[in-house]
Amino acid sequence: MSVPLAVIGRKFSEPVTGSNRRPIDLSDRVLPRSLDEPSAKRLLDAVERAVREMRIRQRSAPMSTTAPLRLGLILPRSVDTADLDLQSVDFDSADDRSEVLDALRSLEGRFLSG
């Protein structure tokens, strides 16, 4: 079962894609445990790109520009989202990047336990 990672908004979603431009699938990936891992930088950069794309999309939809953006897993019959609002994340801040990684781990944990 494929479990793609996406940034979820009120009306739109944007897949988080890897360097090959394919959606990142958490069913066949192990998340980095530390910000020091090169894979963490690549993953968080991919999330940041998806957030930028969502912000562009939201500008075209009335009343969507302030809607929260959340990390989400696209499951067969539902979407599971993290509590962290990506609108407030500063991707240049190590603390904020750590929060994003923690939110990803939380999503992964719920998926694995479900």
PDB file of N, CA and C in Angstrom:
ATOM      1  N   MET A   1       0.839  -1.175   0.000  1.00  0.00           N
ATOM      2  CA  MET A   1       0.000   0.000   0.000  1.00  0.00           C
ATOM      3  C   MET A   1       0.886   1.240   0.000  1.00  0.00           C
ATOM      4  N   SER A   2       0.629   2.125  -0.918  1.00  0.00           N
ATOM      5  CA  SER A   2       1.361   3.377  -1.048  1.00  0.00           C
ATOM      6  C   SER A   2       0.808   4.395  -0.049  1.00  0.00           C
ATOM      7  N   VAL A   3       1.702   5.122   0.614  1.00  0.00           N
ATOM      8  CA  VAL A   3       1.306   6.142   1.587  1.00  0.00           C
ATOM      9  C   VAL A   3       2.083   7.424   1.294  1.00  0.00           C
ATOM     10  N   PRO A   4       1.599   8.201   0.296  1.00  0.00           N
ATOM     11  CA  PRO A   4       2.327   9.413  -0.063  1.00  0.00           C
ATOM     12  C   PRO A   4       2.198  10.522   0.984  1.00  0.00           C
ATOM     13  N   LEU A   5       3.281  11.260   1.122  1.00  0.00           N
ATOM     14  CA  LEU A   5       3.346  12.407   2.013  1.00  0.00           C
ATOM     15  C   LEU A   5       2.946  13.640   1.223  1.00  0.00           C
ATOM     16  N   ALA A   6       2.149  14.515   1.842  1.00  0.00           N
ATOM     17  CA  ALA A   6       1.700  15.730   1.163  1.00  0.00           C
ATOM     18  C   ALA A   6       1.566  16.867   2.165  1.00  0.00           C
ATOM     19  N   VAL A   7       1.532  18.076   1.622  1.00  0.00           N
ATOM     20  CA  VAL A   7       1.159  19.254   2.403  1.00  0.00           C
ATOM     21  C   VAL A   7      -0.308  19.492   2.083  1.00  0.00           C
ATOM     22  N   ILE A   8      -1.120  19.543   3.123  1.00  0.00           N
ATOM     23  CA  ILE A   8      -2.572  19.606   2.986  1.00  0.00           C
ATOM     24  C   ILE A   8      -3.063  20.985   3.392  1.00  0.00           C
ATOM     25  N   GLY A   9      -3.850  21.599   2.534  1.00  0.00           N
ATOM     26  CA  GLY A   9      -4.484  22.875   2.832  1.00  0.00           C
ATOM     27  C   GLY A   9      -5.987  22.708   2.892  1.00  0.00           C
ATOM     28  N   ARG A  10      -6.699  23.816   2.915  1.00  0.00           N
ATOM     29  CA  ARG A  10      -8.164  23.775   2.994  1.00  0.00           C
ATOM     30  C   ARG A  10      -8.776  23.186   1.732  1.00  0.00           C
ATOM     31  N   LYS A  11      -8.294  23.607   0.569  1.00  0.00           N
ATOM     32  CA  LYS A  11      -8.892  23.168  -0.691  1.00  0.00           C
ATOM     33  C   LYS A  11      -7.950  22.360  -1.570  1.00  0.00           C
ATOM     34  N   PHE A  12      -6.662  22.407  -1.273  1.00  0.00           N
ATOM     35  CA  PHE A  12      -5.672  21.788  -2.139  1.00  0.00           C
ATOM     36  C   PHE A  12      -4.718  20.934  -1.323  1.00  0.00           C
ATOM     37  N   SER A  13      -3.980  20.103  -2.031  1.00  0.00           N
ATOM     38  CA  SER A  13      -2.842  19.413  -1.427  1.00  0.00           C
ATOM     39  C   SER A  13      -1.711  19.413  -2.443  1.00  0.00           C
ATOM     40  N   GLU A  14      -0.525  19.302  -1.954  1.00  0.00           N
ATOM     41  CA  GLU A  14       0.663  19.267  -2.802  1.00  0.00           C
ATOM     42  C   GLU A  14       1.529  18.101  -2.333  1.00  0.00           C
ATOM     43  N   PRO A  15       1.816  17.156  -3.230  1.00  0.00           N
ATOM     44  CA  PRO A  15       2.674  16.048  -2.812  1.00  0.00           C
ATOM     45  C   PRO A  15       4.081  16.541  -2.477  1.00  0.00           C
ATOM     46  N   VAL A  16       4.682  15.914  -1.484  1.00  0.00           N
ATOM     47  CA  VAL A  16       6.078  16.162  -1.163  1.00  0.00           C
ATOM     48  C   VAL A  16       6.862  15.206  -2.054  1.00  0.00           C
ATOM     49  N   THR A  17       7.687  15.769  -2.923  1.00  0.00           N
ATOM     50  CA  THR A  17       8.377  14.935  -3.905  1.00  0.00           C
ATOM     51  C   THR A  17       9.875  14.867  -3.648  1.00  0.00           C
ATOM     52  N   GLY A  18      10.443  13.759  -4.049  1.00  0.00           N
ATOM     53  CA  GLY A  18      11.882  13.568  -3.927  1.00  0.00           C
ATOM     54  C   GLY A  18      12.618  14.166  -5.107  1.00  0.00           C
ATOM     55  N   SER A  19      13.903  13.886  -5.187  1.00  0.00           N
ATOM     56  CA  SER A  19      14.725  14.446  -6.258  1.00  0.00           C
ATOM     57  C   SER A  19      14.291  13.938  -7.636  1.00  0.00           C
ATOM     58  N   ASN A  20      13.618  12.805  -7.669  1.00  0.00           N
ATOM     59  CA  ASN A  20      13.118  12.255  -8.935  1.00  0.00           C
ATOM     60  C   ASN A  20      11.737  12.804  -9.296  1.00  0.00           C
ATOM     61  N   ARG A  21      11.246  13.750  -8.492  1.00  0.00           N
ATOM     62  CA  ARG A  21       9.936  14.396  -8.669  1.00  0.00           C
ATOM     63  C   ARG A  21       8.759  13.449  -8.457  1.00  0.00           C
ATOM     64  N   ARG A  22       9.023  12.298  -7.874  1.00  0.00           N
ATOM     65  CA  ARG A  22       7.942  11.367  -7.513  1.00  0.00           C
ATOM     66  C   ARG A  22       7.564  11.609  -6.058  1.00  0.00           C
ATOM     67  N   PRO A  23       6.277  11.440  -5.718  1.00  0.00           N
ATOM     68  CA  PRO A  23       5.858  11.637  -4.322  1.00  0.00           C
ATOM     69  C   PRO A  23       6.632  10.724  -3.368  1.00  0.00           C
ATOM     70  N   ILE A  24       6.982  11.269  -2.228  1.00  0.00           N
ATOM     71  CA  ILE A  24       7.662  10.487  -1.193  1.00  0.00           C
ATOM     72  C   ILE A  24       6.630   9.568  -0.554  1.00  0.00           C
ATOM     73  N   ASP A  25       6.939   8.298  -0.537  1.00  0.00           N
ATOM     74  CA  ASP A  25       6.041   7.266  -0.027  1.00  0.00           C
ATOM     75  C   ASP A  25       6.590   6.764   1.307  1.00  0.00           C
ATOM     76  N   LEU A  26       5.857   7.015   2.402  1.00  0.00           N
ATOM     77  CA  LEU A  26       6.343   6.609   3.718  1.00  0.00           C
ATOM     78  C   LEU A  26       6.244   5.109   3.947  1.00  0.00           C
ATOM     79  N   SER A  27       5.558   4.388   3.061  1.00  0.00           N
ATOM     80  CA  SER A  27       5.477   2.936   3.255  1.00  0.00           C
ATOM     81  C   SER A  27       6.785   2.245   2.887  1.00  0.00           C
ATOM     82  N   ASP A  28       7.655   2.914   2.131  1.00  0.00           N
ATOM     83  CA  ASP A  28       8.921   2.281   1.753  1.00  0.00           C
ATOM     84  C   ASP A  28      10.129   3.149   2.122  1.00  0.00           C
ATOM     85  N   ARG A  29       9.988   3.931   3.170  1.00  0.00           N
ATOM     86  CA  ARG A  29      11.045   4.853   3.583  1.00  0.00           C
ATOM     87  C   ARG A  29      11.144   4.856   5.101  1.00  0.00           C
ATOM     88  N   VAL A  30      12.359   4.983   5.584  1.00  0.00           N
ATOM     89  CA  VAL A  30      12.606   5.162   7.015  1.00  0.00           C
ATOM     90  C   VAL A  30      12.967   6.629   7.206  1.00  0.00           C
ATOM     91  N   LEU A  31      12.262   7.290   8.095  1.00  0.00           N
ATOM     92  CA  LEU A  31      12.533   8.711   8.334  1.00  0.00           C
ATOM     93  C   LEU A  31      13.845   8.888   9.082  1.00  0.00           C
ATOM     94  N   PRO A  32      14.556   9.959   8.790  1.00  0.00           N
ATOM     95  CA  PRO A  32      15.796  10.237   9.527  1.00  0.00           C
ATOM     96  C   PRO A  32      15.477  10.511  10.991  1.00  0.00           C
ATOM     97  N   ARG A  33      16.369  10.116  11.857  1.00  0.00           N
ATOM     98  CA  ARG A  33      16.170  10.306  13.297  1.00  0.00           C
ATOM     99  C   ARG A  33      16.807  11.588  13.808  1.00  0.00           C
ATOM    100  N   SER A  34      17.615  12.225  12.963  1.00  0.00           N
ATOM    101  CA  SER A  34      18.344  13.414  13.402  1.00  0.00           C
ATOM    102  C   SER A  34      18.436  14.416  12.258  1.00  0.00           C
ATOM    103  N   LEU A  35      18.461  15.688  12.609  1.00  0.00           N
ATOM    104  CA  LEU A  35      18.649  16.741  11.607  1.00  0.00           C
ATOM    105  C   LEU A  35      20.034  16.678  10.976  1.00  0.00           C
ATOM    106  N   ASP A  36      20.966  15.983  11.634  1.00  0.00           N
ATOM    107  CA  ASP A  36      22.336  15.902  11.136  1.00  0.00           C
ATOM    108  C   ASP A  36      22.484  14.948   9.953  1.00  0.00           C
ATOM    109  N   GLU A  37      21.499  14.109   9.722  1.00  0.00           N
ATOM    110  CA  GLU A  37      21.579  13.159   8.620  1.00  0.00           C
ATOM    111  C   GLU A  37      21.318  13.880   7.295  1.00  0.00           C
ATOM    112  N   PRO A  38      22.099  13.568   6.255  1.00  0.00           N
ATOM    113  CA  PRO A  38      21.869  14.203   4.946  1.00  0.00           C
ATOM    114  C   PRO A  38      20.443  13.967   4.432  1.00  0.00           C
ATOM    115  N   SER A  39      19.880  12.815   4.736  1.00  0.00           N
ATOM    116  CA  SER A  39      18.513  12.528   4.278  1.00  0.00           C
ATOM    117  C   SER A  39      17.496  13.458   4.932  1.00  0.00           C
ATOM    118  N   ALA A  40      17.786  13.947   6.147  1.00  0.00           N
ATOM    119  CA  ALA A  40      16.879  14.883   6.823  1.00  0.00           C
ATOM    120  C   ALA A  40      16.842  16.204   6.065  1.00  0.00           C
ATOM    121  N   LYS A  41      17.996  16.678   5.638  1.00  0.00           N
ATOM    122  CA  LYS A  41      18.036  17.934   4.879  1.00  0.00           C
ATOM    123  C   LYS A  41      17.252  17.797   3.584  1.00  0.00           C
ATOM    124  N   ARG A  42      17.453  16.700   2.870  1.00  0.00           N
ATOM    125  CA  ARG A  42      16.735  16.497   1.608  1.00  0.00           C
ATOM    126  C   ARG A  42      15.227  16.420   1.837  1.00  0.00           C
ATOM    127  N   LEU A  43      14.817  15.703   2.863  1.00  0.00           N
ATOM    128  CA  LEU A  43      13.390  15.558   3.158  1.00  0.00           C
ATOM    129  C   LEU A  43      12.773  16.898   3.548  1.00  0.00           C
ATOM    130  N   LEU A  44      13.420  17.633   4.420  1.00  0.00           N
ATOM    131  CA  LEU A  44      12.873  18.917   4.862  1.00  0.00           C
ATOM    132  C   LEU A  44      12.888  19.949   3.737  1.00  0.00           C
ATOM    133  N   ASP A  45      13.880  19.885   2.870  1.00  0.00           N
ATOM    134  CA  ASP A  45      13.879  20.762   1.694  1.00  0.00           C
ATOM    135  C   ASP A  45      12.695  20.432   0.790  1.00  0.00           C
ATOM    136  N   ALA A  46      12.365  19.156   0.663  1.00  0.00           N
ATOM    137  CA  ALA A  46      11.213  18.743  -0.149  1.00  0.00           C
ATOM    138  C   ALA A  46       9.908  19.238   0.467  1.00  0.00           C
ATOM    139  N   VAL A  47       9.805  19.168   1.791  1.00  0.00           N
ATOM    140  CA  VAL A  47       8.607  19.685   2.472  1.00  0.00           C
ATOM    141  C   VAL A  47       8.512  21.195   2.250  1.00  0.00           C
ATOM    142  N   GLU A  48       9.627  21.890   2.360  1.00  0.00           N
ATOM    143  CA  GLU A  48       9.626  23.347   2.153  1.00  0.00           C
ATOM    144  C   GLU A  48       9.177  23.695   0.735  1.00  0.00           C
ATOM    145  N   ARG A  49       9.624  22.943  -0.268  1.00  0.00           N
ATOM    146  CA  ARG A  49       9.187  23.187  -1.653  1.00  0.00           C
ATOM    147  C   ARG A  49       7.676  23.010  -1.783  1.00  0.00           C
ATOM    148  N   ALA A  50       7.142  21.964  -1.157  1.00  0.00           N
ATOM    149  CA  ALA A  50       5.696  21.713  -1.221  1.00  0.00           C
ATOM    150  C   ALA A  50       4.918  22.834  -0.526  1.00  0.00           C
ATOM    151  N   VAL A  51       5.443  23.338   0.578  1.00  0.00           N
ATOM    152  CA  VAL A  51       4.791  24.452   1.276  1.00  0.00           C
ATOM    153  C   VAL A  51       4.778  25.686   0.376  1.00  0.00           C
ATOM    154  N   ARG A  52       5.885  25.970  -0.296  1.00  0.00           N
ATOM    155  CA  ARG A  52       5.933  27.120  -1.217  1.00  0.00           C
ATOM    156  C   ARG A  52       4.886  26.973  -2.313  1.00  0.00           C
ATOM    157  N   GLU A  53       4.780  25.785  -2.881  1.00  0.00           N
ATOM    158  CA  GLU A  53       3.781  25.547  -3.930  1.00  0.00           C
ATOM    159  C   GLU A  53       2.361  25.747  -3.399  1.00  0.00           C
ATOM    160  N   MET A  54       2.112  25.288  -2.191  1.00  0.00           N
ATOM    161  CA  MET A  54       0.780  25.460  -1.602  1.00  0.00           C
ATOM    162  C   MET A  54       0.470  26.930  -1.357  1.00  0.00           C
ATOM    163  N   ARG A  55       1.443  27.686  -0.931  1.00  0.00           N
ATOM    164  CA  ARG A  55       1.212  29.123  -0.715  1.00  0.00           C
ATOM    165  C   ARG A  55       0.852  29.809  -2.027  1.00  0.00           C
ATOM    166  N   ILE A  56       1.499  29.407  -3.108  1.00  0.00           N
ATOM    167  CA  ILE A  56       1.169  29.969  -4.422  1.00  0.00           C
ATOM    168  C   ILE A  56      -0.260  29.605  -4.801  1.00  0.00           C
ATOM    169  N   ARG A  57      -0.630  28.350  -4.624  1.00  0.00           N
ATOM    170  CA  ARG A  57      -1.996  27.913  -4.935  1.00  0.00           C
ATOM    171  C   ARG A  57      -3.029  28.642  -4.086  1.00  0.00           C
ATOM    172  N   GLN A  58      -2.732  28.812  -2.812  1.00  0.00           N
ATOM    173  CA  GLN A  58      -3.698  29.439  -1.913  1.00  0.00           C
ATOM    174  C   GLN A  58      -3.993  30.879  -2.303  1.00  0.00           C
ATOM    175  N   ARG A  59      -3.032  31.553  -2.901  1.00  0.00           N
ATOM    176  CA  ARG A  59      -3.260  32.942  -3.308  1.00  0.00           C
ATOM    177  C   ARG A  59      -4.383  33.052  -4.327  1.00  0.00           C
ATOM    178  N   SER A  60      -4.605  31.983  -5.081  1.00  0.00           N
ATOM    179  CA  SER A  60      -5.641  32.020  -6.118  1.00  0.00           C
ATOM    180  C   SER A  60      -7.021  31.636  -5.591  1.00  0.00           C
ATOM    181  N   ALA A  61      -7.103  31.201  -4.355  1.00  0.00           N
ATOM    182  CA  ALA A  61      -8.389  30.775  -3.787  1.00  0.00           C
ATOM    183  C   ALA A  61      -8.798  31.751  -2.690  1.00  0.00           C
ATOM    184  N   PRO A  62      -9.928  32.414  -2.843  1.00  0.00           N
ATOM    185  CA  PRO A  62     -10.375  33.363  -1.818  1.00  0.00           C
ATOM    186  C   PRO A  62     -10.452  32.705  -0.434  1.00  0.00           C
ATOM    187  N   MET A  63     -10.008  33.449   0.560  1.00  0.00           N
ATOM    188  CA  MET A  63     -10.074  33.056   1.961  1.00  0.00           C
ATOM    189  C   MET A  63      -9.218  31.836   2.299  1.00  0.00           C
ATOM    190  N   SER A  64      -8.306  31.444   1.423  1.00  0.00           N
ATOM    191  CA  SER A  64      -7.448  30.294   1.709  1.00  0.00           C
ATOM    192  C   SER A  64      -6.048  30.688   2.152  1.00  0.00           C
ATOM    193  N   THR A  65      -5.672  31.938   1.974  1.00  0.00           N
ATOM    194  CA  THR A  65      -4.288  32.325   2.237  1.00  0.00           C
ATOM    195  C   THR A  65      -3.896  32.181   3.702  1.00  0.00           C
ATOM    196  N   THR A  66      -4.843  32.244   4.602  1.00  0.00           N
ATOM    197  CA  THR A  66      -4.513  32.106   6.021  1.00  0.00           C
ATOM    198  C   THR A  66      -4.859  30.728   6.567  1.00  0.00           C
ATOM    199  N   ALA A  67      -5.374  29.851   5.735  1.00  0.00           N
ATOM    200  CA  ALA A  67      -5.717  28.500   6.186  1.00  0.00           C
ATOM    201  C   ALA A  67      -4.446  27.753   6.573  1.00  0.00           C
ATOM    202  N   PRO A  68      -4.535  26.913   7.586  1.00  0.00           N
ATOM    203  CA  PRO A  68      -3.350  26.156   7.990  1.00  0.00           C
ATOM    204  C   PRO A  68      -2.894  25.203   6.890  1.00  0.00           C
ATOM    205  N   LEU A  69      -1.604  24.973   6.859  1.00  0.00           N
ATOM    206  CA  LEU A  69      -1.012  23.963   5.987  1.00  0.00           C
ATOM    207  C   LEU A  69      -0.426  22.894   6.897  1.00  0.00           C
ATOM    208  N   ARG A  70      -0.788  21.666   6.652  1.00  0.00           N
ATOM    209  CA  ARG A  70      -0.358  20.576   7.528  1.00  0.00           C
ATOM    210  C   ARG A  70       0.292  19.468   6.715  1.00  0.00           C
ATOM    211  N   LEU A  71       1.220  18.778   7.364  1.00  0.00           N
ATOM    212  CA  LEU A  71       1.755  17.562   6.779  1.00  0.00           C
ATOM    213  C   LEU A  71       0.674  16.509   6.827  1.00  0.00           C
ATOM    214  N   GLY A  72       0.570  15.715   5.803  1.00  0.00           N
ATOM    215  CA  GLY A  72      -0.454  14.682   5.805  1.00  0.00           C
ATOM    216  C   GLY A  72      -0.022  13.447   5.055  1.00  0.00           C
ATOM    217  N   LEU A  73      -0.595  12.335   5.454  1.00  0.00           N
ATOM    218  CA  LEU A  73      -0.428  11.074   4.743  1.00  0.00           C
ATOM    219  C   LEU A  73      -1.724  10.789   4.013  1.00  0.00           C
ATOM    220  N   ILE A  74      -1.623  10.507   2.732  1.00  0.00           N
ATOM    221  CA  ILE A  74      -2.795  10.197   1.928  1.00  0.00           C
ATOM    222  C   ILE A  74      -3.018   8.685   2.014  1.00  0.00           C
ATOM    223  N   LEU A  75      -4.009   8.302   2.786  1.00  0.00           N
ATOM    224  CA  LEU A  75      -4.331   6.892   2.993  1.00  0.00           C
ATOM    225  C   LEU A  75      -5.465   6.493   2.054  1.00  0.00           C
ATOM    226  N   PRO A  76      -5.694   5.199   1.858  1.00  0.00           N
ATOM    227  CA  PRO A  76      -6.727   4.776   0.900  1.00  0.00           C
ATOM    228  C   PRO A  76      -8.104   5.408   1.116  1.00  0.00           C
ATOM    229  N   ARG A  77      -8.533   5.555   2.353  1.00  0.00           N
ATOM    230  CA  ARG A  77      -9.879   6.088   2.589  1.00  0.00           C
ATOM    231  C   ARG A  77      -9.909   7.347   3.441  1.00  0.00           C
ATOM    232  N   SER A  78      -8.731   7.901   3.702  1.00  0.00           N
ATOM    233  CA  SER A  78      -8.687   9.085   4.560  1.00  0.00           C
ATOM    234  C   SER A  78      -7.357   9.815   4.385  1.00  0.00           C
ATOM    235  N   VAL A  79      -7.248  10.910   5.098  1.00  0.00           N
ATOM    236  CA  VAL A  79      -6.008  11.675   5.169  1.00  0.00           C
ATOM    237  C   VAL A  79      -5.693  11.860   6.647  1.00  0.00           C
ATOM    238  N   ASP A  80      -4.491  11.542   7.053  1.00  0.00           N
ATOM    239  CA  ASP A  80      -4.060  11.733   8.436  1.00  0.00           C
ATOM    240  C   ASP A  80      -3.101  12.909   8.455  1.00  0.00           C
ATOM    241  N   THR A  81      -3.401  13.933   9.245  1.00  0.00           N
ATOM    242  CA  THR A  81      -2.557  15.129   9.272  1.00  0.00           C
ATOM    243  C   THR A  81      -1.901  15.329  10.626  1.00  0.00           C
ATOM    244  N   ALA A  82      -0.767  15.996  10.597  1.00  0.00           N
ATOM    245  CA  ALA A  82      -0.052  16.384  11.814  1.00  0.00           C
ATOM    246  C   ALA A  82      -0.655  17.681  12.344  1.00  0.00           C
ATOM    247  N   ASP A  83      -0.436  17.951  13.612  1.00  0.00           N
ATOM    248  CA  ASP A  83      -0.979  19.163  14.235  1.00  0.00           C
ATOM    249  C   ASP A  83      -0.210  20.427  13.865  1.00  0.00           C
ATOM    250  N   LEU A  84       1.029  20.294  13.492  1.00  0.00           N
ATOM    251  CA  LEU A  84       1.890  21.445  13.211  1.00  0.00           C
ATOM    252  C   LEU A  84       1.391  22.221  11.990  1.00  0.00           C
ATOM    253  N   ASP A  85       1.184  23.536  12.160  1.00  0.00           N
ATOM    254  CA  ASP A  85       0.798  24.400  11.039  1.00  0.00           C
ATOM    255  C   ASP A  85       2.069  24.878  10.345  1.00  0.00           C
ATOM    256  N   LEU A  86       2.259  24.428   9.120  1.00  0.00           N
ATOM    257  CA  LEU A  86       3.471  24.756   8.375  1.00  0.00           C
ATOM    258  C   LEU A  86       3.526  26.216   7.947  1.00  0.00           C
ATOM    259  N   GLN A  87       2.406  26.941   8.060  1.00  0.00           N
ATOM    260  CA  GLN A  87       2.410  28.375   7.730  1.00  0.00           C
ATOM    261  C   GLN A  87       3.353  29.138   8.659  1.00  0.00           C
ATOM    262  N   SER A  88       3.510  28.649   9.876  1.00  0.00           N
ATOM    263  CA  SER A  88       4.311  29.368  10.865  1.00  0.00           C
ATOM    264  C   SER A  88       5.751  28.860  10.959  1.00  0.00           C
ATOM    265  N   VAL A  89       6.127  27.900  10.133  1.00  0.00           N
ATOM    266  CA  VAL A  89       7.460  27.306  10.216  1.00  0.00           C
ATOM    267  C   VAL A  89       8.471  28.151   9.449  1.00  0.00           C
ATOM    268  N   ASP A  90       9.598  28.411  10.091  1.00  0.00           N
ATOM    269  CA  ASP A  90      10.737  29.058   9.447  1.00  0.00           C
ATOM    270  C   ASP A  90      11.726  27.946   9.100  1.00  0.00           C
ATOM    271  N   PHE A  91      11.804  27.587   7.840  1.00  0.00           N
ATOM    272  CA  PHE A  91      12.636  26.460   7.435  1.00  0.00           C
ATOM    273  C   PHE A  91      14.131  26.753   7.537  1.00  0.00           C
ATOM    274  N   ASP A  92      14.497  27.989   7.858  1.00  0.00           N
ATOM    275  CA  ASP A  92      15.903  28.323   8.103  1.00  0.00           C
ATOM    276  C   ASP A  92      16.288  28.118   9.565  1.00  0.00           C
ATOM    277  N   SER A  93      15.296  27.875  10.417  1.00  0.00           N
ATOM    278  CA  SER A  93      15.529  27.687  11.844  1.00  0.00           C
ATOM    279  C   SER A  93      15.684  26.199  12.167  1.00  0.00           C
ATOM    280  N   ALA A  94      16.776  25.853  12.838  1.00  0.00           N
ATOM    281  CA  ALA A  94      17.004  24.451  13.219  1.00  0.00           C
ATOM    282  C   ALA A  94      15.893  23.951  14.143  1.00  0.00           C
ATOM    283  N   ASP A  95      15.416  24.817  15.047  1.00  0.00           N
ATOM    284  CA  ASP A  95      14.340  24.406  15.954  1.00  0.00           C
ATOM    285  C   ASP A  95      13.064  24.093  15.186  1.00  0.00           C
ATOM    286  N   ASP A  96      12.725  24.932  14.222  1.00  0.00           N
ATOM    287  CA  ASP A  96      11.513  24.696  13.431  1.00  0.00           C
ATOM    288  C   ASP A  96      11.659  23.457  12.555  1.00  0.00           C
ATOM    289  N   ARG A  97      12.850  23.261  11.972  1.00  0.00           N
ATOM    290  CA  ARG A  97      13.077  22.057  11.158  1.00  0.00           C
ATOM    291  C   ARG A  97      12.951  20.810  12.031  1.00  0.00           C
ATOM    292  N   SER A  98      13.412  20.908  13.269  1.00  0.00           N
ATOM    293  CA  SER A  98      13.279  19.789  14.197  1.00  0.00           C
ATOM    294  C   SER A  98      11.804  19.505  14.493  1.00  0.00           C
ATOM    295  N   GLU A  99      11.001  20.572  14.638  1.00  0.00           N
ATOM    296  CA  GLU A  99       9.562  20.390  14.857  1.00  0.00           C
ATOM    297  C   GLU A  99       8.901  19.686  13.676  1.00  0.00           C
ATOM    298  N   VAL A 100       9.312  20.043  12.462  1.00  0.00           N
ATOM    299  CA  VAL A 100       8.754  19.394  11.272  1.00  0.00           C
ATOM    300  C   VAL A 100       9.131  17.911  11.262  1.00  0.00           C
ATOM    301  N   LEU A 101      10.378  17.614  11.580  1.00  0.00           N
ATOM    302  CA  LEU A 101      10.813  16.221  11.624  1.00  0.00           C
ATOM    303  C   LEU A 101      10.057  15.452  12.700  1.00  0.00           C
ATOM    304  N   ASP A 102       9.829  16.073  13.853  1.00  0.00           N
ATOM    305  CA  ASP A 102       9.028  15.436  14.914  1.00  0.00           C
ATOM    306  C   ASP A 102       7.602  15.166  14.443  1.00  0.00           C
ATOM    307  N   ALA A 103       7.010  16.121  13.721  1.00  0.00           N
ATOM    308  CA  ALA A 103       5.645  15.928  13.203  1.00  0.00           C
ATOM    309  C   ALA A 103       5.612  14.769  12.202  1.00  0.00           C
ATOM    310  N   LEU A 104       6.648  14.673  11.385  1.00  0.00           N
ATOM    311  CA  LEU A 104       6.741  13.552  10.437  1.00  0.00           C
ATOM    312  C   LEU A 104       6.845  12.225  11.173  1.00  0.00           C
ATOM    313  N   ARG A 105       7.656  12.192  12.220  1.00  0.00           N
ATOM    314  CA  ARG A 105       7.789  10.957  13.011  1.00  0.00           C
ATOM    315  C   ARG A 105       6.474  10.580  13.675  1.00  0.00           C
ATOM    316  N   SER A 106       5.737  11.580  14.132  1.00  0.00           N
ATOM    317  CA  SER A 106       4.435  11.323  14.740  1.00  0.00           C
ATOM    318  C   SER A 106       3.471  10.703  13.723  1.00  0.00           C
ATOM    319  N   LEU A 107       3.436  11.266  12.515  1.00  0.00           N
ATOM    320  CA  LEU A 107       2.600  10.690  11.452  1.00  0.00           C
ATOM    321  C   LEU A 107       3.028   9.257  11.145  1.00  0.00           C
ATOM    322  N   GLU A 108       4.336   9.061  11.052  1.00  0.00           N
ATOM    323  CA  GLU A 108       4.855   7.725  10.769  1.00  0.00           C
ATOM    324  C   GLU A 108       4.436   6.744  11.871  1.00  0.00           C
ATOM    325  N   GLY A 109       4.546   7.175  13.119  1.00  0.00           N
ATOM    326  CA  GLY A 109       4.181   6.309  14.240  1.00  0.00           C
ATOM    327  C   GLY A 109       2.708   5.931  14.201  1.00  0.00           C
ATOM    328  N   ARG A 110       1.848   6.892  13.906  1.00  0.00           N
ATOM    329  CA  ARG A 110       0.404   6.582  13.828  1.00  0.00           C
ATOM    330  C   ARG A 110       0.116   5.627  12.668  1.00  0.00           C
ATOM    331  N   PHE A 111       0.812   5.820  11.556  1.00  0.00           N
ATOM    332  CA  PHE A 111       0.617   4.926  10.421  1.00  0.00           C
ATOM    333  C   PHE A 111       1.055   3.509  10.761  1.00  0.00           C
ATOM    334  N   LEU A 112       2.234   3.392  11.378  1.00  0.00           N
ATOM    335  CA  LEU A 112       2.763   2.065  11.695  1.00  0.00           C
ATOM    336  C   LEU A 112       1.944   1.345  12.759  1.00  0.00           C
ATOM    337  N   SER A 113       1.357   2.109  13.671  1.00  0.00           N
ATOM    338  CA  SER A 113       0.571   1.469  14.728  1.00  0.00           C
ATOM    339  C   SER A 113      -0.873   1.196  14.311  1.00  0.00           C
ATOM    340  N   GLY A 114      -1.299   1.775  13.202  1.00  0.00           N
ATOM    341  CA  GLY A 114      -2.692   1.648  12.756  1.00  0.00           C
ATOM    342  C   GLY A 114      -2.958   0.505  11.915  1.00  0.00           C
TER     343      GLY A 114
END
